[in-house]
C-alpha atoms as a PDB file:
ATOM      1  CA  MET A   1       0.000   0.000   0.000  1.00  0.00           C
ATOM      2  CA  THR A   2       1.069   3.592  -0.660  1.00  0.00           C
ATOM      3  CA  ILE A   3      -0.103   7.073   0.341  1.00  0.00           C
ATOM      4  CA  ASP A   4      -2.396   7.047  -2.714  1.00  0.00           C
ATOM      5  CA  THR A   5      -4.188   4.068  -1.196  1.00  0.00           C
ATOM      6  CA  PHE A   6      -5.509   6.229   1.611  1.00  0.00           C
ATOM      7  CA  ARG A   7      -6.850   9.014  -0.551  1.00  0.00           C
ATOM      8  CA  LYS A   8     -10.580   9.574  -0.496  1.00  0.00           C
ATOM      9  CA  GLY A   9     -12.456   6.863  -2.383  1.00  0.00           C
ATOM     10  CA  ALA A  10      -9.530   4.453  -2.729  1.00  0.00           C
ATOM     11  CA  LEU A  11      -9.314   3.068   0.804  1.00  0.00           C
ATOM     12  CA  ARG A  12     -12.681   1.272   0.849  1.00  0.00           C
ATOM     13  CA  SER A  13     -12.123  -0.613  -2.414  1.00  0.00           C
ATOM     14  CA  THR A  14      -8.546  -1.477  -1.400  1.00  0.00           C
ATOM     15  CA  LEU A  15      -9.652  -2.878   1.962  1.00  0.00           C
ATOM     16  CA  ILE A  16     -12.481  -4.893   0.404  1.00  0.00           C
ATOM     17  CA  ASN A  17     -10.201  -6.328  -2.283  1.00  0.00           C
ATOM     18  CA  SER A  18      -7.538  -7.161   0.306  1.00  0.00           C
ATOM     19  CA  LEU A  19     -10.096  -8.958   2.473  1.00  0.00           C
ATOM     20  CA  LYS A  20     -11.336 -10.987  -0.507  1.00  0.00           C
ATOM     21  CA  GLU A  21      -7.776 -11.962  -1.421  1.00  0.00           C
ATOM     22  CA  LEU A  22      -7.174 -13.174   2.139  1.00  0.00           C
ATOM     23  CA  ILE A  23     -10.402 -15.201   2.087  1.00  0.00           C
ATOM     24  CA  ILE A  24      -9.416 -16.842  -1.223  1.00  0.00           C
ATOM     25  CA  LYS A  25      -6.029 -17.793   0.231  1.00  0.00           C
ATOM     26  CA  LYS A  26      -7.815 -19.214   3.289  1.00  0.00           C
ATOM     27  CA  ASP A  27     -10.121 -21.186   0.962  1.00  0.00           C
ATOM     28  CA  LEU A  28      -7.111 -22.642  -0.848  1.00  0.00           C
ATOM     29  CA  LYS A  29      -5.609 -23.719   2.445  1.00  0.00           C
ATOM     30  CA  GLU A  30      -8.831 -25.347   3.642  1.00  0.00           C
ATOM     31  CA  ARG A  31     -10.008 -26.502   0.172  1.00  0.00           C
ATOM     32  CA  SER A  32     -13.457 -25.069   0.789  1.00  0.00           C
ATOM     33  CA  LEU A  33     -15.386 -22.197  -0.883  1.00  0.00           C
ATOM     34  CA  SER A  34     -16.433 -19.262   1.305  1.00  0.00           C
ATOM     35  CA  LEU A  35     -17.423 -16.628  -1.275  1.00  0.00           C
ATOM     36  CA  TYR A  36     -19.586 -18.710  -3.629  1.00  0.00           C
ATOM     37  CA  HIS A  37     -22.868 -19.941  -2.236  1.00  0.00           C
ATOM     38  CA  SER A  38     -23.958 -22.451  -4.902  1.00  0.00           C
ATOM     39  CA  PRO A  39     -21.024 -24.896  -5.001  1.00  0.00           C
ATOM     40  CA  ASP A  40     -23.373 -27.872  -5.488  1.00  0.00           C
ATOM     41  CA  SER A  41     -24.156 -26.547  -9.003  1.00  0.00           C
ATOM     42  CA  MET A  42     -20.429 -26.924  -9.863  1.00  0.00           C
ATOM     43  CA  VAL A  43     -20.227 -30.661  -9.196  1.00  0.00           C
ATOM     44  CA  GLY A  44     -19.194 -32.430 -12.401  1.00  0.00           C
ATOM     45  CA  TRP A  45     -17.362 -29.417 -13.848  1.00  0.00           C
ATOM     46  CA  GLU A  46     -13.568 -29.367 -14.152  1.00  0.00           C
ATOM     47  CA  PHE A  47     -11.338 -26.369 -14.886  1.00  0.00           C
ATOM     48  CA  TYR A  48      -7.815 -26.655 -16.279  1.00  0.00           C
ATOM     49  CA  GLN A  49      -5.193 -23.954 -16.729  1.00  0.00           C
ATOM     50  CA  VAL A  50      -2.021 -24.396 -18.718  1.00  0.00           C
ATOM     51  CA  ALA A  51       0.813 -22.305 -17.282  1.00  0.00           C
ATOM     52  CA  LYS A  52       4.201 -21.715 -18.867  1.00  0.00           C
ATOM     53  CA  GLY A  53       7.131 -22.547 -16.639  1.00  0.00           C
ATOM     54  CA  ALA A  54      10.878 -22.115 -16.888  1.00  0.00           C
ATOM     55  CA  TYR A  55      12.682 -22.973 -20.135  1.00  0.00           C
ATOM     56  CA  GLY A  56       9.416 -23.072 -22.092  1.00  0.00           C
ATOM     57  CA  THR A  57       7.952 -26.010 -20.153  1.00  0.00           C
ATOM     58  CA  GLN A  58       4.205 -26.177 -19.584  1.00  0.00           C
ATOM     59  CA  ALA A  59       2.348 -27.296 -16.482  1.00  0.00           C
ATOM     60  CA  VAL A  60      -1.353 -28.090 -16.190  1.00  0.00           C
ATOM     61  CA  TYR A  61      -3.381 -27.266 -13.085  1.00  0.00           C
ATOM     62  CA  LEU A  62      -6.834 -28.580 -12.138  1.00  0.00           C
ATOM     63  CA  PHE A  63      -9.721 -27.191 -10.073  1.00  0.00           C
ATOM     64  CA  LYS A  64     -12.858 -29.235  -9.417  1.00  0.00           C
ATOM     65  CA  MET A  65     -15.471 -29.718  -6.726  1.00  0.00           C
ATOM     66  CA  ILE A  66     -15.217 -33.043  -4.895  1.00  0.00           C
ATOM     67  CA  ASN A  67     -18.624 -32.566  -3.315  1.00  0.00           C
ATOM     68  CA  SER A  68     -20.883 -29.646  -2.426  1.00  0.00           C
ATOM     69  CA  ASP A  69     -18.409 -28.470   0.251  1.00  0.00           C
ATOM     70  CA  GLU A  70     -14.853 -29.352  -0.764  1.00  0.00           C
ATOM     71  CA  PHE A  71     -12.783 -28.716  -3.867  1.00  0.00           C
ATOM     72  CA  GLU A  72      -9.584 -30.169  -5.281  1.00  0.00           C
ATOM     73  CA  VAL A  73      -6.834 -27.987  -6.731  1.00  0.00           C
ATOM     74  CA  ARG A  74      -3.488 -29.377  -7.812  1.00  0.00           C
ATOM     75  CA  ARG A  75      -0.806 -29.594 -10.472  1.00  0.00           C
ATOM     76  CA  LEU A  76      -1.191 -32.598 -12.769  1.00  0.00           C
ATOM     77  CA  ASP A  77       1.740 -34.984 -13.041  1.00  0.00           C
ATOM     78  CA  LEU A  78       3.560 -35.428 -16.338  1.00  0.00           C
ATOM     79  CA  GLN A  79       1.510 -38.427 -17.411  1.00  0.00           C
ATOM     80  CA  GLU A  80      -1.800 -36.710 -16.683  1.00  0.00           C
ATOM     81  CA  SER A  81      -0.819 -33.443 -18.321  1.00  0.00           C
ATOM     82  CA  SER A  82       0.625 -35.025 -21.468  1.00  0.00           C
ATOM     83  CA  LYS A  83      -2.797 -35.305 -23.128  1.00  0.00           C
ATOM     84  CA  PHE A  84      -3.423 -31.569 -22.620  1.00  0.00           C
ATOM     85  CA  VAL A  85      -0.062 -30.229 -23.765  1.00  0.00           C
ATOM     86  CA  ASN A  86       0.801 -30.639 -27.442  1.00  0.00           C
ATOM     87  CA  SER A  87       2.044 -28.627 -30.390  1.00  0.00           C
ATOM     88  CA  ASP A  88      -1.435 -28.419 -31.964  1.00  0.00           C
ATOM     89  CA  ASP A  89      -2.727 -26.374 -29.013  1.00  0.00           C
ATOM     90  CA  ALA A  90       0.367 -24.291 -28.287  1.00  0.00           C
ATOM     91  CA  ASP A  91      -1.762 -21.291 -27.258  1.00  0.00           C
ATOM     92  CA  LEU A  92      -4.155 -23.268 -25.048  1.00  0.00           C
ATOM     93  CA  GLN A  93      -4.522 -21.608 -21.645  1.00  0.00           C
ATOM     94  CA  TYR A  94      -8.012 -22.335 -20.319  1.00  0.00           C
ATOM     95  CA  LEU A  95      -9.868 -25.630 -20.664  1.00  0.00           C
ATOM     96  CA  ILE A  96     -13.229 -26.680 -19.256  1.00  0.00           C
ATOM     97  CA  LYS A  97     -14.795 -30.122 -18.866  1.00  0.00           C
ATOM     98  CA  THR A  98     -18.586 -30.206 -18.593  1.00  0.00           C
ATOM     99  CA  PRO A  99     -20.641 -32.713 -16.535  1.00  0.00           C
ATOM    100  CA  ALA A 100     -21.221 -34.546 -19.858  1.00  0.00           C
ATOM    101  CA  ASN A 101     -17.433 -35.185 -20.058  1.00  0.00           C
ATOM    102  CA  THR A 102     -17.013 -32.817 -23.011  1.00  0.00           C
ATOM    103  CA  PHE A 103     -13.884 -30.653 -23.163  1.00  0.00           C
ATOM    104  CA  TYR A 104     -14.099 -27.038 -24.346  1.00  0.00           C
ATOM    105  CA  ASN A 105     -11.273 -24.624 -25.050  1.00  0.00           C
ATOM    106  CA  LEU A 106     -11.971 -21.168 -23.640  1.00  0.00           C
ATOM    107  CA  ASN A 107     -10.449 -18.524 -25.923  1.00  0.00           C
ATOM    108  CA  ARG A 108     -10.503 -14.736 -25.873  1.00  0.00           C
ATOM    109  CA  LYS A 109     -11.185 -13.390 -29.367  1.00  0.00           C
ATOM    110  CA  ASN A 110      -9.882 -10.092 -30.716  1.00  0.00           C
ATOM    111  CA  ILE A 111     -13.480  -8.973 -31.225  1.00  0.00           C
ATOM    112  CA  PHE A 112     -15.284  -6.389 -29.125  1.00  0.00           C
ATOM    113  CA  THR A 113     -18.927  -5.689 -28.462  1.00  0.00           C
ATOM    114  CA  LEU A 114     -20.709  -2.567 -29.698  1.00  0.00           C
ATOM    115  CA  PRO A 115     -23.878  -0.745 -28.656  1.00  0.00           C
ATOM    116  CA  ASN A 116     -27.065  -2.085 -30.220  1.00  0.00           C
ATOM    117  CA  ALA A 117     -27.820  -1.135 -33.827  1.00  0.00           C
ATOM    118  CA  GLU A 118     -30.833   0.943 -32.717  1.00  0.00           C
ATOM    119  CA  LEU A 119     -28.458   3.418 -31.082  1.00  0.00           C
ATOM    120  CA  PHE A 120     -26.652   4.145 -34.336  1.00  0.00           C
ATOM    121  CA  SER A 121     -29.969   4.401 -36.168  1.00  0.00           C
ATOM    122  CA  ASP A 122     -31.393   6.905 -33.679  1.00  0.00           C
ATOM    123  CA  ILE A 123     -28.139   8.890 -33.532  1.00  0.00           C
ATOM    124  CA  ASN A 124     -28.207   9.094 -37.333  1.00  0.00           C
ATOM    125  CA  GLU A 125     -31.721  10.507 -37.127  1.00  0.00           C
ATOM    126  CA  MET A 126     -30.599  13.039 -34.539  1.00  0.00           C
ATOM    127  CA  ILE A 127     -27.732  14.146 -36.777  1.00  0.00           C
ATOM    128  CA  SER A 128     -29.519  14.099 -40.130  1.00  0.00           C
ATOM    129  CA  HIS A 129     -32.874  15.280 -38.716  1.00  0.00           C
ATOM    130  CA  GLN A 130     -34.653  12.894 -41.079  1.00  0.00           C
ATOM    131  CA  ASN A 131     -37.562  10.720 -39.905  1.00  0.00           C
ATOM    132  CA  CYS A 132     -37.191  12.242 -36.447  1.00  0.00           C
ATOM    133  CA  SER A 133     -39.918  11.747 -33.894  1.00  0.00           C
ATOM    134  CA  SER A 134     -41.590  14.929 -32.753  1.00  0.00           C
ATOM    135  CA  VAL A 135     -44.072  16.286 -30.240  1.00  0.00           C
ATOM    136  CA  THR A 136     -46.752  18.874 -30.866  1.00  0.00           C
ATOM    137  CA  LYS A 137     -46.739  22.196 -29.085  1.00  0.00           C
ATOM    138  CA  ALA A 138     -49.783  21.054 -27.100  1.00  0.00           C
ATOM    139  CA  GLU A 139     -48.029  17.825 -26.030  1.00  0.00           C
ATOM    140  CA  LEU A 140     -44.923  19.716 -24.949  1.00  0.00           C
ATOM    141  CA  LYS A 141     -46.981  22.184 -22.901  1.00  0.00           C
ATOM    142  CA  ARG A 142     -48.973  19.323 -21.344  1.00  0.00           C
ATOM    143  CA  THR A 143     -45.707  17.630 -20.305  1.00  0.00           C
ATOM    144  CA  LEU A 144     -44.430  20.852 -18.726  1.00  0.00           C
ATOM    145  CA  ASN A 145     -47.706  21.325 -16.833  1.00  0.00           C
ATOM    146  CA  ASP A 146     -47.509  17.747 -15.529  1.00  0.00           C
ATOM    147  CA  LEU A 147     -43.938  18.351 -14.356  1.00  0.00           C
ATOM    148  CA  SER A 148     -45.036  21.595 -12.659  1.00  0.00           C
ATOM    149  CA  LYS A 149     -47.500  19.584 -10.564  1.00  0.00           C
ATOM    150  CA  SER A 150     -45.059  16.745  -9.825  1.00  0.00           C
ATOM    151  CA  TYR A 151     -42.131  19.028  -8.962  1.00  0.00           C
ATOM    152  CA  PRO A 152     -43.393  22.207  -7.236  1.00  0.00           C
ATOM    153  CA  ASN A 153     -39.832  23.502  -6.776  1.00  0.00           C
ATOM    154  CA  TYR A 154     -39.511  23.849 -10.530  1.00  0.00           C
ATOM    155  CA  ARG A 155     -43.068  25.037 -11.183  1.00  0.00           C
ATOM    156  CA  THR A 156     -42.141  28.665 -11.891  1.00  0.00           C
ATOM    157  CA  LYS A 157     -39.325  27.638 -14.255  1.00  0.00           C
ATOM    158  CA  TYR A 158     -41.534  25.225 -16.177  1.00  0.00           C
ATOM    159  CA  GLN A 159     -44.304  27.825 -16.474  1.00  0.00           C
ATOM    160  CA  ASN A 160     -41.794  30.368 -17.783  1.00  0.00           C
ATOM    161  CA  LEU A 161     -40.771  27.830 -20.420  1.00  0.00           C
ATOM    162  CA  ILE A 162     -44.431  27.373 -21.423  1.00  0.00           C
ATOM    163  CA  SER A 163     -44.612  31.123 -22.024  1.00  0.00           C
ATOM    164  CA  ILE A 164     -41.568  30.894 -24.291  1.00  0.00           C
ATOM    165  CA  ILE A 165     -43.003  27.887 -26.155  1.00  0.00           C
ATOM    166  CA  ASN A 166     -46.250  29.799 -26.752  1.00  0.00           C
ATOM    167  CA  LYS A 167     -44.272  32.467 -28.609  1.00  0.00           C
ATOM    168  CA  ARG A 168     -42.678  29.953 -30.983  1.00  0.00           C
ATOM    169  CA  GLU A 169     -44.244  29.730 -34.447  1.00  0.00           C
ATOM    170  CA  LEU A 170     -43.684  25.964 -34.632  1.00  0.00           C
ATOM    171  CA  ASP A 171     -46.692  23.658 -34.259  1.00  0.00           C
ATOM    172  CA  SER A 172     -44.471  20.661 -33.516  1.00  0.00           C
ATOM    173  CA  PHE A 173     -40.944  20.152 -32.217  1.00  0.00           C
ATOM    174  CA  ASN A 174     -38.614  17.443 -33.520  1.00  0.00           C
ATOM    175  CA  ILE A 175     -35.396  16.355 -31.825  1.00  0.00           C
ATOM    176  CA  ASN A 176     -33.382  19.094 -33.511  1.00  0.00           C
ATOM    177  CA  ASP A 177     -35.886  21.763 -32.463  1.00  0.00           C
ATOM    178  CA  LEU A 178     -35.876  20.533 -28.878  1.00  0.00           C
ATOM    179  CA  LYS A 179     -32.083  20.467 -28.835  1.00  0.00           C
ATOM    180  CA  ASN A 180     -32.066  24.127 -29.842  1.00  0.00           C
ATOM    181  CA  GLU A 181     -34.577  24.897 -27.101  1.00  0.00           C
ATOM    182  CA  PHE A 182     -32.481  23.117 -24.480  1.00  0.00           C
ATOM    183  CA  ASP A 183     -29.368  24.981 -25.604  1.00  0.00           C
ATOM    184  CA  PHE A 184     -31.355  28.220 -25.256  1.00  0.00           C
ATOM    185  CA  MET A 185     -32.555  27.199 -21.755  1.00  0.00           C
ATOM    186  CA  LYS A 186     -29.017  26.399 -20.579  1.00  0.00           C
ATOM    187  CA  LYS A 187     -27.540  29.581 -22.019  1.00  0.00           C
ATOM    188  CA  ASN A 188     -30.209  31.797 -20.437  1.00  0.00           C
ATOM    189  CA  LYS A 189     -30.424  29.737 -17.208  1.00  0.00           C
ATOM    190  CA  ILE A 190     -34.158  29.181 -17.638  1.00  0.00           C
ATOM    191  CA  LEU A 191     -33.943  25.588 -16.391  1.00  0.00           C
ATOM    192  CA  SER A 192     -31.344  23.872 -14.222  1.00  0.00           C
ATOM    193  CA  PRO A 193     -29.664  20.669 -15.488  1.00  0.00           C
ATOM    194  CA  ILE A 194     -31.819  18.641 -13.068  1.00  0.00           C
ATOM    195  CA  ALA A 195     -35.035  20.197 -14.376  1.00  0.00           C
ATOM    196  CA  ILE A 196     -33.923  19.576 -17.975  1.00  0.00           C
ATOM    197  CA  ASN A 197     -33.155  15.920 -17.191  1.00  0.00           C
ATOM    198  CA  LEU A 198     -36.602  15.504 -15.678  1.00  0.00           C
ATOM    199  CA  LEU A 199     -38.095  16.911 -18.861  1.00  0.00           C
ATOM    200  CA  LEU A 200     -35.923  14.613 -21.009  1.00  0.00           C
ATOM    201  CA  ASP A 201     -37.088  11.582 -19.015  1.00  0.00           C
ATOM    202  CA  GLU A 202     -40.744  12.580 -19.328  1.00  0.00           C
ATOM    203  CA  LEU A 203     -40.499  13.159 -23.085  1.00  0.00           C
ATOM    204  CA  TYR A 204     -38.974   9.714 -23.454  1.00  0.00           C
ATOM    205  CA  GLU A 205     -41.590   8.020 -21.265  1.00  0.00           C
ATOM    206  CA  GLN A 206     -44.547   9.758 -22.910  1.00  0.00           C
ATOM    207  CA  TYR A 207     -43.465  10.025 -26.548  1.00  0.00           C
ATOM    208  CA  GLY A 208     -40.330   7.921 -27.011  1.00  0.00           C
ATOM    209  CA  LEU A 209     -38.119  10.906 -27.802  1.00  0.00           C
ATOM    210  CA  VAL A 210     -34.442  10.199 -27.137  1.00  0.00           C
ATOM    211  CA  LEU A 211     -32.090  13.176 -26.974  1.00  0.00           C
ATOM    212  CA  LYS A 212     -29.554  11.477 -24.719  1.00  0.00           C
ATOM    213  CA  VAL A 213     -28.845   7.819 -23.964  1.00  0.00           C
ATOM    214  CA  LYS A 214     -28.925   7.524 -20.179  1.00  0.00           C
ATOM    215  CA  PRO A 215     -27.493   4.339 -18.646  1.00  0.00           C
ATOM    216  CA  LYS A 216     -29.494   4.858 -15.455  1.00  0.00           C
ATOM    217  CA  ILE A 217     -32.778   4.407 -17.369  1.00  0.00           C
ATOM    218  CA  LYS A 218     -33.511   0.677 -17.627  1.00  0.00           C
ATOM    219  CA  SER A 219     -35.380   0.965 -20.926  1.00  0.00           C
ATOM    220  CA  HIS A 220     -32.455   2.878 -22.481  1.00  0.00           C
ATOM    221  CA  VAL A 221     -30.064   0.120 -21.421  1.00  0.00           C
ATOM    222  CA  GLN A 222     -32.302  -2.588 -22.882  1.00  0.00           C
ATOM    223  CA  LYS A 223     -32.802  -0.756 -26.176  1.00  0.00           C
ATOM    224  CA  TYR A 224     -29.321   0.636 -26.774  1.00  0.00           C
ATOM    225  CA  LEU A 225     -26.688  -0.898 -24.497  1.00  0.00           C
ATOM    226  CA  SER A 226     -27.591  -4.528 -23.800  1.00  0.00           C
ATOM    227  CA  GLY A 227     -24.582  -5.690 -25.835  1.00  0.00           C
ATOM    228  CA  LEU A 228     -22.315  -3.800 -23.413  1.00  0.00           C
ATOM    229  CA  THR A 229     -24.000  -4.777 -20.152  1.00  0.00           C
ATOM    230  CA  ASP A 230     -24.330  -7.935 -18.047  1.00  0.00           C
ATOM    231  CA  ILE A 231     -23.666 -11.359 -19.628  1.00  0.00           C
ATOM    232  CA  ASN A 232     -24.757 -12.259 -23.150  1.00  0.00           C
ATOM    233  CA  TYR A 233     -24.223 -15.442 -25.158  1.00  0.00           C
ATOM    234  CA  PHE A 234     -25.044 -16.743 -28.617  1.00  0.00           C
ATOM    235  CA  VAL A 235     -24.423 -19.852 -30.716  1.00  0.00           C
ATOM    236  CA  ASP A 236     -22.303 -19.804 -33.875  1.00  0.00           C
ATOM    237  CA  ASN A 237     -24.591 -19.955 -36.925  1.00  0.00           C
ATOM    238  CA  ASP A 238     -22.104 -22.095 -38.847  1.00  0.00           C
ATOM    239  CA  ASP A 239     -21.192 -24.446 -36.011  1.00  0.00           C
ATOM    240  CA  GLN A 240     -23.839 -25.093 -33.362  1.00  0.00           C
ATOM    241  CA  ASP A 241     -21.210 -26.617 -31.049  1.00  0.00           C
ATOM    242  CA  VAL A 242     -19.358 -23.296 -30.716  1.00  0.00           C
ATOM    243  CA  ILE A 243     -20.629 -20.732 -28.209  1.00  0.00           C
ATOM    244  CA  TYR A 244     -19.674 -17.074 -27.803  1.00  0.00           C
ATOM    245  CA  TYR A 245     -20.285 -14.813 -24.848  1.00  0.00           C
ATOM    246  CA  ASN A 246     -19.295 -11.451 -23.430  1.00  0.00           C
ATOM    247  CA  VAL A 247     -19.324  -9.966 -19.944  1.00  0.00           C
ATOM    248  CA  GLY A 248     -20.103  -6.269 -19.729  1.00  0.00           C
ATOM    249  CA  THR A 249     -20.810  -3.677 -17.073  1.00  0.00           C
ATOM    250  CA  ILE A 250     -23.414  -4.578 -14.442  1.00  0.00           C
ATOM    251  CA  SER A 251     -26.434  -2.622 -15.659  1.00  0.00           C
ATOM    252  CA  LYS A 252     -27.826  -2.021 -12.151  1.00  0.00           C
ATOM    253  CA  ASN A 253     -24.590  -0.359 -11.013  1.00  0.00           C
ATOM    254  CA  MET A 254     -23.839   1.682 -14.112  1.00  0.00           C
ATOM    255  CA  ASN A 255     -22.487   5.215 -13.954  1.00  0.00           C
ATOM    256  CA  MET A 256     -23.345   7.783 -16.580  1.00  0.00           C
ATOM    257  CA  SER A 257     -20.877   6.229 -19.032  1.00  0.00           C
ATOM    258  CA  ILE A 258     -19.329   2.893 -19.974  1.00  0.00           C
ATOM    259  CA  ALA A 259     -15.548   3.034 -19.772  1.00  0.00           C
ATOM    260  CA  LYS A 260     -14.820   0.407 -22.409  1.00  0.00           C
ATOM    261  CA  THR A 261     -16.293  -2.347 -24.530  1.00  0.00           C
ATOM    262  CA  SER A 262     -15.897  -6.017 -23.652  1.00  0.00           C
ATOM    263  CA  HIS A 263     -14.076  -8.862 -25.382  1.00  0.00           C
ATOM    264  CA  ILE A 264     -15.934 -11.730 -27.011  1.00  0.00           C
ATOM    265  CA  TRP A 265     -14.993 -15.116 -25.535  1.00  0.00           C
ATOM    266  CA  GLN A 266     -15.381 -18.434 -27.339  1.00  0.00           C
ATOM    267  CA  LEU A 267     -16.230 -21.906 -26.022  1.00  0.00           C
ATOM    268  CA  GLN A 268     -14.967 -24.340 -28.668  1.00  0.00           C
ATOM    269  CA  PRO A 269     -15.023 -28.157 -28.373  1.00  0.00           C
ATOM    270  CA  ASN A 270     -11.555 -29.671 -28.079  1.00  0.00           C
ATOM    271  CA  ILE A 271     -11.595 -32.226 -30.897  1.00  0.00           C
ATOM    272  CA  LYS A 272      -8.460 -34.017 -29.675  1.00  0.00           C
ATOM    273  CA  LEU A 273      -9.788 -34.661 -26.162  1.00  0.00           C
ATOM    274  CA  ASN A 274     -13.418 -35.354 -26.988  1.00  0.00           C
ATOM    275  CA  GLU A 275     -14.647 -38.743 -28.135  1.00  0.00           C
ATOM    276  CA  ARG A 276     -16.332 -39.071 -31.518  1.00  0.00           C
ATOM    277  CA  GLY A 277     -20.002 -38.154 -31.184  1.00  0.00           C
ATOM    278  CA  PHE A 278     -19.372 -36.129 -28.015  1.00  0.00           C
ATOM    279  CA  ALA A 279     -22.306 -34.585 -26.128  1.00  0.00           C
ATOM    280  CA  THR A 280     -22.664 -30.882 -26.858  1.00  0.00           C
ATOM    281  CA  ILE A 281     -23.290 -28.464 -24.017  1.00  0.00           C
ATOM    282  CA  GLU A 282     -26.995 -28.001 -23.307  1.00  0.00           C
ATOM    283  CA  ALA A 283     -28.759 -24.699 -22.656  1.00  0.00           C
ATOM    284  CA  GLU A 284     -29.124 -25.597 -18.962  1.00  0.00           C
ATOM    285  CA  ASN A 285     -25.381 -26.126 -18.594  1.00  0.00           C
ATOM    286  CA  ILE A 286     -24.603 -22.968 -20.592  1.00  0.00           C
ATOM    287  CA  LEU A 287     -26.554 -21.014 -17.986  1.00  0.00           C
ATOM    288  CA  LYS A 288     -24.712 -22.822 -15.170  1.00  0.00           C
ATOM    289  CA  PHE A 289     -21.425 -21.958 -16.876  1.00  0.00           C
ATOM    290  CA  LEU A 290     -22.391 -18.273 -17.188  1.00  0.00           C
ATOM    291  CA  GLN A 291     -23.444 -18.244 -13.543  1.00  0.00           C
ATOM    292  CA  LEU A 292     -19.818 -18.909 -12.594  1.00  0.00           C
ATOM    293  CA  MET A 293     -19.005 -15.376 -13.760  1.00  0.00           C
ATOM    294  CA  MET A 294     -21.830 -13.691 -11.847  1.00  0.00           C
ATOM    295  CA  VAL A 295     -19.612 -13.019  -8.845  1.00  0.00           C
ATOM    296  CA  ASN A 296     -18.128  -9.767  -7.559  1.00  0.00           C
ATOM    297  CA  PHE A 297     -15.183 -11.080  -5.538  1.00  0.00           C
ATOM    298  CA  VAL A 298     -12.754 -11.270  -8.473  1.00  0.00           C
ATOM    299  CA  ARG A 299     -13.203  -7.715  -9.811  1.00  0.00           C
ATOM    300  CA  PHE A 300     -14.392  -4.857  -7.590  1.00  0.00           C
ATOM    301  CA  HIS A 301     -18.077  -4.116  -8.346  1.00  0.00           C
ATOM    302  CA  GLN A 302     -17.786  -5.955 -11.680  1.00  0.00           C
ATOM    303  CA  LEU A 303     -18.463  -9.449 -12.976  1.00  0.00           C
ATOM    304  CA  THR A 304     -15.524 -11.675 -13.832  1.00  0.00           C
ATOM    305  CA  VAL A 305     -14.984 -12.428 -17.529  1.00  0.00           C
ATOM    306  CA  ILE A 306     -14.006 -16.104 -17.090  1.00  0.00           C
ATOM    307  CA  PRO A 307     -15.349 -18.598 -14.518  1.00  0.00           C
ATOM    308  CA  PHE A 308     -14.167 -17.731 -11.019  1.00  0.00           C
ATOM    309  CA  PRO A 309     -12.405 -21.110 -10.415  1.00  0.00           C
ATOM    310  CA  PHE A 310      -9.639 -19.751 -12.658  1.00  0.00           C
ATOM    311  CA  LYS A 311      -9.065 -17.059 -10.017  1.00  0.00           C
ATOM    312  CA  TYR A 312      -8.403 -19.836  -7.507  1.00  0.00           C
ATOM    313  CA  LEU A 313      -6.122 -21.556 -10.011  1.00  0.00           C
ATOM    314  CA  ARG A 314      -4.132 -18.354 -10.592  1.00  0.00           C
ATOM    315  CA  GLU A 315      -3.690 -17.848  -6.848  1.00  0.00           C
ATOM    316  CA  PHE A 316      -2.685 -21.491  -6.400  1.00  0.00           C
ATOM    317  CA  ILE A 317      -0.125 -21.250  -9.239  1.00  0.00           C
ATOM    318  CA  GLN A 318       1.368 -18.098  -7.705  1.00  0.00           C
ATOM    319  CA  LEU A 319       1.652 -19.759  -4.283  1.00  0.00           C
ATOM    320  CA  GLU A 320       3.340 -22.806  -5.861  1.00  0.00           C
ATOM    321  CA  GLU A 321       5.827 -20.572  -7.681  1.00  0.00           C
ATOM    322  CA  LYS A 322       6.656 -18.751  -4.436  1.00  0.00           C
ATOM    323  CA  LYS A 323       7.283 -22.064  -2.686  1.00  0.00           C
ATOM    324  CA  ARG A 324       9.593 -23.224  -5.486  1.00  0.00           C
ATOM    325  CA  SER A 325      11.463 -19.902  -5.441  1.00  0.00           C
ATOM    326  CA  ALA A 326      11.918 -20.080  -1.666  1.00  0.00           C
ATOM    327  CA  LYS A 327      13.151 -23.677  -1.914  1.00  0.00           C
ATOM    328  CA  LYS A 328      15.611 -22.686  -4.661  1.00  0.00           C
ATOM    329  CA  ASP A 329      16.921 -19.780  -2.550  1.00  0.00           C
ATOM    330  CA  VAL A 330      17.562 -22.116   0.399  1.00  0.00           C
ATOM    331  CA  THR A 331      19.309 -24.641  -1.889  1.00  0.00           C
ATOM    332  CA  ASP A 332      21.556 -21.895  -3.282  1.00  0.00           C
ATOM    333  CA  LEU A 333      22.517 -20.831   0.240  1.00  0.00           C
ATOM    334  CA  LEU A 334      23.557 -24.396   1.128  1.00  0.00           C
ATOM    335  CA  LYS A 335      25.879 -24.697  -1.863  1.00  0.00           C
END
C-alpha cells in the first residue's frame, strides 16, 4: 500500500479487495469455498489452466469440486498433463470439462462488443434530422404542466418555459428543435440541469423521444446498451457446437458512461480430447457456466470475464511458484 491508497475513495475498495484476497487464500488452504454460495451446481465441472514454466515447459493445473463443500486444486503430473499439452494447441490456456465429459477450449477473441444497432440508427436521425420523432406544441406544454405539478420547486421555471413555447411559431418540435430549445434554456439559465433531465425523461416516457442515452434508465439500457452490459451469449450460426459470450458492465450499477467495450470469448469443443459423437453443451449447462461469472469477488463491483475457479487456479499457481522460489533460494545458500 502507498499514500495514494488512503486518498478519499480508494481506501474502501482497497480494503475490500484485500479482504477478498485473504479469504481466497484461506479457501485454498482449507479446500473449501467461502465466497460462492452455490457450489453444489459446480459438481461435475472441471477447470484446467495451462501455465508456462521455466525454459518453455508447460504445467497443467486442475480445479474441481469433490462434493458440495470441498474442492480439489493441484498440479497434474507429467503423465496426466501429457494429453493436454501438445504442439497443436500451443496457445491453449483455459480448458473446461462439462458434466457430460465434453472438453471445451476457452479462448478470448480479438473482437469487441458494440452498442445495439438501434443506437446508431437513432443517432443518425438526430444528426440528419430525417424521420425524427416529434411532439406537438400542445403535447410539450402538457408535459411541462404535468412536471409543474409533480415538482413544485420547478413550477415557476416550467411555467416560464411554457410562455416561451407559446411564442414559438412551430406547431411541432422534432429532436433538432428541442435540442435548440435546451441549448437556449441552458444559455439563459431558464432551467437547471436537473429540471432539464426531468423533462428529457418525461419526453422519453410519454413520446419515445431520445435526446440522450442515459445508462441509469432501464429501458435505455435494454434498447441501446444490452450488448455492453451484463452477460450475453449466442451460438455460432455455422457451427452449433461453438458458443460465444461477453461480460459487460453490471447494468444495475452503471455510472453515466461505460468506460470500455468487452471482449468476445469463445467456447470451442476440443476435438483431440473429446470422443467421436461427443455430447454438446446443453442450454441448462450454458446457464450454469455463465453463472460462474456472476460473482463480484474477483473484480471490484464488476463481474468476472471467465469462470471464477480460474481465479483460484491463478492464486494457487502463484503460491506454488513462491514455494519453489523459496526452496531454490535455500538450496543456493547451502551450496
